[in-house]
Amino acid sequence: MHPTTTPPQQHNPRRARDFFGDAMVWILTAALFWPTAHWLVARTLASGQIQHAFIVLAFALFVLARDRGLGPVWRIGRLAYGHLVSAYLLMAVALLTHRPIFVLLAFCLLAAAVLFYIFGDGIRRLAWALIGTFAAFVGLIVIGPTLDWPLRAAAGRMAAWMLGVIGQNTGLSLMLQGEPKLILSVNDHIFEVASECNGFGLIGGSLLLALLLVIFRKIRWFDKLLALGVAALTGFILNAVRIVFICLLAPHVGDHYHLMHEAVGITLFGAGLVLVWWLITGLPERKIHPQIKPDKRGEALPL
């Protein structure tokens, strides 16, 4: 028997050129979109609630990608190229019109191009679901500050009503000395409904997860809209329940208040996401019937 040897791998100059060309494209793109990326990261890190929404988005991407058995391709294919060119065109429109909205839309298209570059053109539905959800995430970052006080007031009223139903003596008032504060009194204890208590993280996370799933799954439009409404309502109610639990447990935990506060928040946040996932994945998907066309002899053949 003759010993076998593995032939040496030959250098592929075309592959090396493609890699170098891709690297130059992404370096140029990173330089162009760096200010937008820096702004998004800074706004995300500045808000714990926005961070929760981002964690939901990242975790859902991981779960769906793993479920579909996706692997990296690392190639600028047709869809990656098209979305990248569209991102550049929108950025040019933004520079000409001085409208930040076009910059954010361009960044969303760039995110789609990155996904198609990594996973290839075969993930259209998943990529569009993720990009639609990412666009909603960017929208949450933009509108978040304007929703703070309306959400605080709604959360305070709902929590006060729930506490009253179970026999607690409650009151809700606005303190205007210095910085305005929303005060919830429960029996002999006083609580501030702070910005972190407005439920934006829970509502936003539930909505993002629901949006990702309803775009990705082939369910009826009525079910999609219903799922989004239920997700938002679930986040709002669970945030009020979180406030109720904190108010009821506070007199019994002593110096461990902050630990209890975080434990209750994390538990209900996770419970809300699990509930939204369970509800939407349980919805029946539409059945796609195969198209039929006749052949030359008049017989119907399934496609």
Protein backbone atom coordinates (compact mmCIF):
# COMPACT_ATOMS: atom_id res chain seq x y z
CA MET A 1 0.00 0.00 0.00
CA HIS A 2 1.24 3.47 -0.85
CA PRO A 3 0.93 6.17 1.79
CA THR A 4 -1.68 8.78 0.98
CA THR A 5 -0.95 12.44 1.34
CA THR A 6 -3.36 15.33 1.43
CA PRO A 7 -2.73 17.63 -1.52
CA PRO A 8 -1.84 21.14 -0.45
CA GLN A 9 -4.67 23.65 -0.64
CA GLN A 10 -4.31 25.93 -3.62
CA HIS A 11 -4.54 29.67 -3.17
CA ASN A 12 -7.71 31.08 -4.70
CA PRO A 13 -6.88 34.61 -5.93
CA ARG A 14 -10.53 35.30 -6.84
CA ARG A 15 -11.67 34.49 -3.30
CA ALA A 16 -8.93 36.70 -1.90
CA ARG A 17 -10.03 39.56 -4.19
CA ASP A 18 -13.67 39.10 -3.12
CA PHE A 19 -12.69 39.19 0.54
CA PHE A 20 -10.59 42.32 0.03
CA GLY A 21 -13.39 44.00 -1.93
CA ASP A 22 -15.99 43.12 0.72
CA ALA A 23 -13.71 44.46 3.44
CA MET A 24 -13.28 47.79 1.63
CA VAL A 25 -17.05 48.10 1.11
CA TRP A 26 -17.84 47.49 4.78
CA ILE A 27 -15.06 49.80 6.00
CA LEU A 28 -16.43 52.61 3.83
CA THR A 29 -19.97 51.84 4.99
CA ALA A 30 -18.93 51.81 8.65
CA ALA A 31 -17.28 55.21 8.25
CA LEU A 32 -20.39 56.66 6.60
CA PHE A 33 -22.87 55.29 9.14
CA TRP A 34 -20.69 55.61 12.25
CA PRO A 35 -22.44 58.74 13.62
CA THR A 36 -25.85 57.06 13.36
CA ALA A 37 -24.58 53.85 14.96
CA HIS A 38 -22.92 55.83 17.76
CA TRP A 39 -26.17 57.73 18.43
CA LEU A 40 -28.24 54.52 18.56
CA VAL A 41 -25.78 52.80 20.90
CA ALA A 42 -25.60 55.85 23.18
CA ARG A 43 -29.40 56.14 23.40
CA THR A 44 -29.71 52.42 24.07
CA LEU A 45 -27.10 52.43 26.84
CA ALA A 46 -28.67 55.52 28.42
CA SER A 47 -31.98 53.75 29.05
CA GLY A 48 -32.35 50.45 30.86
CA GLN A 49 -35.77 49.99 29.29
CA ILE A 50 -34.39 50.38 25.77
CA GLN A 51 -31.68 47.87 26.69
CA HIS A 52 -34.40 45.39 27.66
CA ALA A 53 -36.06 45.86 24.27
CA PHE A 54 -32.72 45.33 22.49
CA ILE A 55 -32.06 42.15 24.49
CA VAL A 56 -35.46 40.84 23.38
CA LEU A 57 -34.62 41.57 19.74
CA ALA A 58 -31.19 39.93 19.95
CA PHE A 59 -32.50 36.85 21.77
CA ALA A 60 -35.35 36.39 19.28
CA LEU A 61 -32.85 36.59 16.40
CA PHE A 62 -30.72 33.91 18.05
CA VAL A 63 -33.68 31.59 18.65
CA LEU A 64 -35.13 31.94 15.14
CA ALA A 65 -31.72 31.60 13.46
CA ARG A 66 -30.98 28.49 15.50
CA ASP A 67 -34.41 27.04 14.78
CA ARG A 68 -33.86 27.40 11.03
CA GLY A 69 -30.32 26.04 11.21
CA LEU A 70 -28.77 29.10 9.58
CA GLY A 71 -25.06 29.26 8.94
CA PRO A 72 -22.83 32.13 7.80
CA VAL A 73 -22.25 32.70 4.09
CA TRP A 74 -20.20 35.94 4.11
CA ARG A 75 -21.00 37.04 0.58
CA ILE A 76 -22.47 40.18 -0.94
CA GLY A 77 -25.22 38.56 -2.96
CA ARG A 78 -28.04 40.14 -4.92
CA LEU A 79 -30.18 41.08 -1.93
CA ALA A 80 -27.26 42.29 0.17
CA TYR A 81 -26.08 44.44 -2.74
CA GLY A 82 -29.56 45.84 -3.41
CA HIS A 83 -30.19 46.80 0.21
CA LEU A 84 -26.71 48.29 0.52
CA VAL A 85 -27.17 50.46 -2.56
CA SER A 86 -30.61 51.54 -1.30
CA ALA A 87 -29.06 52.50 2.05
CA TYR A 88 -26.49 54.68 0.26
CA LEU A 89 -29.19 56.35 -1.84
CA LEU A 90 -31.30 57.12 1.23
CA MET A 91 -28.27 58.53 2.99
CA ALA A 92 -27.71 60.81 0.00
CA VAL A 93 -31.35 61.93 0.23
CA ALA A 94 -30.86 62.62 3.95
CA LEU A 95 -27.80 64.76 3.26
CA LEU A 96 -29.65 66.74 0.59
CA THR A 97 -32.87 67.25 2.55
CA HIS A 98 -31.40 67.39 6.09
CA ARG A 99 -34.14 65.01 7.29
CA PRO A 100 -32.92 62.59 10.02
CA ILE A 101 -35.74 60.16 9.24
CA PHE A 102 -33.97 59.17 6.01
CA VAL A 103 -30.78 58.46 7.96
CA LEU A 104 -32.64 56.06 10.24
CA LEU A 105 -34.35 54.36 7.29
CA ALA A 106 -31.00 54.02 5.57
CA PHE A 107 -29.56 52.44 8.70
CA CYS A 108 -32.40 49.89 8.71
CA LEU A 109 -31.63 48.98 5.10
CA LEU A 110 -27.97 48.68 6.04
CA ALA A 111 -28.91 46.24 8.81
CA ALA A 112 -30.80 44.18 6.20
CA ALA A 113 -27.74 44.20 3.93
CA VAL A 114 -25.58 42.95 6.80
CA LEU A 115 -28.01 40.09 7.50
CA PHE A 116 -28.09 39.05 3.84
CA TYR A 117 -24.29 39.27 3.71
CA ILE A 118 -23.92 36.99 6.73
CA PHE A 119 -26.67 34.45 6.02
CA GLY A 120 -27.25 34.72 2.26
CA ASP A 121 -30.31 35.46 0.13
CA GLY A 122 -32.29 32.51 1.45
CA ILE A 123 -33.49 34.23 4.62
CA ARG A 124 -35.80 36.82 3.07
CA ARG A 125 -38.75 36.33 5.40
CA LEU A 126 -36.62 36.18 8.53
CA ALA A 127 -34.51 39.15 7.43
CA TRP A 128 -37.53 41.32 6.65
CA ALA A 129 -39.11 40.36 9.98
CA LEU A 130 -35.95 41.36 11.79
CA ILE A 131 -35.59 44.60 9.87
CA GLY A 132 -39.21 45.55 10.47
CA THR A 133 -38.66 44.90 14.17
CA PHE A 134 -35.38 46.80 14.15
CA ALA A 135 -37.12 49.77 12.52
CA ALA A 136 -39.71 49.64 15.31
CA PHE A 137 -36.88 49.51 17.84
CA VAL A 138 -35.37 52.66 16.34
CA GLY A 139 -38.81 54.25 16.50
CA LEU A 140 -39.07 53.38 20.20
CA ILE A 141 -35.74 55.10 20.82
CA VAL A 142 -36.99 58.25 19.10
CA ILE A 143 -40.44 58.49 20.70
CA GLY A 144 -39.58 57.01 24.10
CA PRO A 145 -39.06 60.30 25.98
CA THR A 146 -42.40 61.71 24.81
CA LEU A 147 -44.27 58.68 26.20
CA ASP A 148 -42.76 58.83 29.70
CA TRP A 149 -45.39 60.86 31.55
CA PRO A 150 -48.47 59.46 29.76
CA LEU A 151 -47.29 55.92 30.52
CA ARG A 152 -46.43 56.85 34.11
CA ALA A 153 -49.88 58.29 34.70
CA ALA A 154 -51.62 55.29 33.12
CA ALA A 155 -49.48 52.82 35.09
CA GLY A 156 -50.13 54.68 38.35
CA ARG A 157 -53.90 54.75 37.80
CA MET A 158 -54.05 51.07 36.85
CA ALA A 159 -51.94 50.00 39.84
CA ALA A 160 -54.01 52.16 42.22
CA TRP A 161 -57.21 50.61 40.85
CA MET A 162 -55.84 47.06 41.25
CA LEU A 163 -54.73 47.78 44.81
CA GLY A 164 -58.16 49.24 45.59
CA VAL A 165 -59.87 46.11 44.24
CA ILE A 166 -58.00 43.94 46.75
CA GLY A 167 -58.90 46.24 49.64
CA GLN A 168 -55.85 48.53 49.92
CA ASN A 169 -56.21 52.22 50.76
CA THR A 170 -54.58 54.07 47.86
CA GLY A 171 -54.11 57.59 46.55
CA LEU A 172 -52.41 59.05 43.49
CA SER A 173 -51.08 62.61 43.47
CA LEU A 174 -48.64 64.86 41.65
CA MET A 175 -45.89 66.57 43.65
CA LEU A 176 -44.77 69.79 41.96
CA GLN A 177 -42.06 70.92 44.39
CA GLY A 178 -38.82 70.85 42.40
CA GLU A 179 -38.88 68.18 39.71
CA PRO A 180 -42.46 66.88 39.25
CA LYS A 181 -43.07 63.48 40.85
CA LEU A 182 -46.01 61.10 40.61
CA ILE A 183 -46.74 59.74 44.10
CA LEU A 184 -48.66 56.56 44.83
CA SER A 185 -49.69 56.12 48.48
CA VAL A 186 -50.60 52.61 49.64
CA ASN A 187 -51.90 52.45 53.22
CA ASP A 188 -49.11 54.11 55.25
CA HIS A 189 -46.39 53.83 52.59
CA ILE A 190 -45.40 56.32 49.91
CA PHE A 191 -44.00 55.27 46.50
CA GLU A 192 -42.81 57.31 43.54
CA VAL A 193 -43.95 56.14 40.11
CA ALA A 194 -40.61 57.00 38.52
CA SER A 195 -39.64 56.94 34.87
CA GLU A 196 -38.42 53.35 35.27
CA CYS A 197 -41.94 52.38 36.36
CA ASN A 198 -43.74 53.62 33.25
CA GLY A 199 -43.72 50.17 31.65
CA PHE A 200 -42.00 51.32 28.47
CA GLY A 201 -39.50 48.45 28.61
CA LEU A 202 -42.14 45.78 29.15
CA ILE A 203 -44.57 47.20 26.61
CA GLY A 204 -41.80 47.87 24.08
CA GLY A 205 -40.23 44.44 24.52
CA SER A 206 -43.58 42.69 24.17
CA LEU A 207 -44.42 44.71 21.05
CA LEU A 208 -41.05 44.04 19.42
CA LEU A 209 -41.29 40.32 20.06
CA ALA A 210 -44.88 40.27 18.77
CA LEU A 211 -43.96 42.27 15.66
CA LEU A 212 -41.07 39.96 14.86
CA LEU A 213 -43.26 36.88 15.17
CA VAL A 214 -46.28 38.22 13.24
CA ILE A 215 -44.08 39.30 10.31
CA PHE A 216 -42.15 36.03 10.31
CA ARG A 217 -45.12 33.68 10.70
CA LYS A 218 -47.72 33.18 7.95
CA ILE A 219 -50.81 34.06 9.93
CA ARG A 220 -53.91 36.02 8.94
CA TRP A 221 -53.75 39.81 8.95
CA PHE A 222 -56.53 40.01 11.53
CA ASP A 223 -54.53 37.72 13.80
CA LYS A 224 -51.41 39.83 13.27
CA LEU A 225 -53.15 43.03 14.34
CA LEU A 226 -54.86 41.27 17.24
CA ALA A 227 -51.54 39.82 18.41
CA LEU A 228 -49.89 43.25 18.41
CA GLY A 229 -52.74 44.73 20.43
CA VAL A 230 -52.69 41.85 22.92
CA ALA A 231 -48.91 42.15 23.28
CA ALA A 232 -49.12 45.87 24.11
CA LEU A 233 -51.98 45.26 26.55
CA THR A 234 -50.07 42.39 28.17
CA GLY A 235 -47.03 44.58 28.74
CA PHE A 236 -49.16 47.39 30.20
CA ILE A 237 -51.10 45.11 32.58
CA LEU A 238 -48.02 43.20 33.75
CA ASN A 239 -46.24 46.47 34.50
CA ALA A 240 -49.17 47.51 36.70
CA VAL A 241 -49.07 44.08 38.36
CA ARG A 242 -45.35 44.62 38.98
CA ILE A 243 -46.11 47.89 40.79
CA VAL A 244 -48.81 46.15 42.85
CA PHE A 245 -46.46 43.37 43.95
CA ILE A 246 -43.73 45.86 44.88
CA CYS A 247 -46.16 47.94 46.95
CA LEU A 248 -47.49 44.87 48.76
CA LEU A 249 -44.07 43.32 49.44
CA ALA A 250 -42.25 46.53 50.42
CA PRO A 251 -43.39 46.54 54.09
CA HIS A 252 -42.08 42.97 54.57
CA VAL A 253 -38.60 43.02 52.97
CA GLY A 254 -36.85 45.67 55.06
CA ASP A 255 -33.39 46.49 53.73
CA HIS A 256 -33.84 44.09 50.80
CA TYR A 257 -36.24 46.41 48.98
CA HIS A 258 -34.01 46.98 45.94
CA LEU A 259 -33.33 43.26 45.58
CA MET A 260 -37.06 42.54 45.73
CA HIS A 261 -37.73 45.37 43.28
CA GLU A 262 -35.35 43.90 40.69
CA ALA A 263 -36.51 40.31 41.25
CA VAL A 264 -40.17 41.21 40.73
CA GLY A 265 -39.32 43.28 37.63
CA ILE A 266 -37.21 40.57 35.99
CA THR A 267 -39.73 37.84 36.79
CA LEU A 268 -42.69 39.67 35.27
CA PHE A 269 -40.65 40.88 32.30
CA GLY A 270 -39.70 37.29 31.48
CA ALA A 271 -43.24 36.06 32.13
CA GLY A 272 -44.64 38.67 29.74
CA LEU A 273 -42.30 37.65 26.93
CA VAL A 274 -43.00 33.95 27.43
CA LEU A 275 -46.75 34.66 27.37
CA VAL A 276 -46.49 36.71 24.15
CA TRP A 277 -44.33 34.03 22.49
CA TRP A 278 -46.76 31.28 23.54
CA LEU A 279 -49.84 33.16 22.35
CA ILE A 280 -48.48 34.09 18.93
CA THR A 281 -46.74 30.79 18.12
CA GLY A 282 -50.03 29.10 18.96
CA LEU A 283 -51.90 30.96 16.24
CA PRO A 284 -52.60 28.77 13.16
CA GLU A 285 -50.67 29.65 10.01
CA ARG A 286 -52.34 30.08 6.65
CA LYS A 287 -52.33 27.06 4.39
CA ILE A 288 -50.68 27.79 1.05
CA HIS A 289 -52.42 25.76 -1.67
CA PRO A 290 -50.23 24.72 -4.61
CA GLN A 291 -50.92 26.47 -7.89
CA ILE A 292 -52.25 24.32 -10.74
CA LYS A 293 -51.68 24.90 -14.42
CA PRO A 294 -52.50 22.70 -17.41
CA ASP A 295 -49.80 21.07 -19.52
CA LYS A 296 -49.85 20.91 -23.30
CA ARG A 297 -52.22 17.96 -23.24
CA GLY A 298 -54.70 19.76 -21.02
CA GLU A 299 -53.79 17.84 -17.86
CA ALA A 300 -53.36 19.67 -14.57
CA LEU A 301 -49.91 19.32 -13.05
CA PRO A 302 -49.03 20.55 -9.54
CA LEU A 303 -46.15 23.02 -9.32
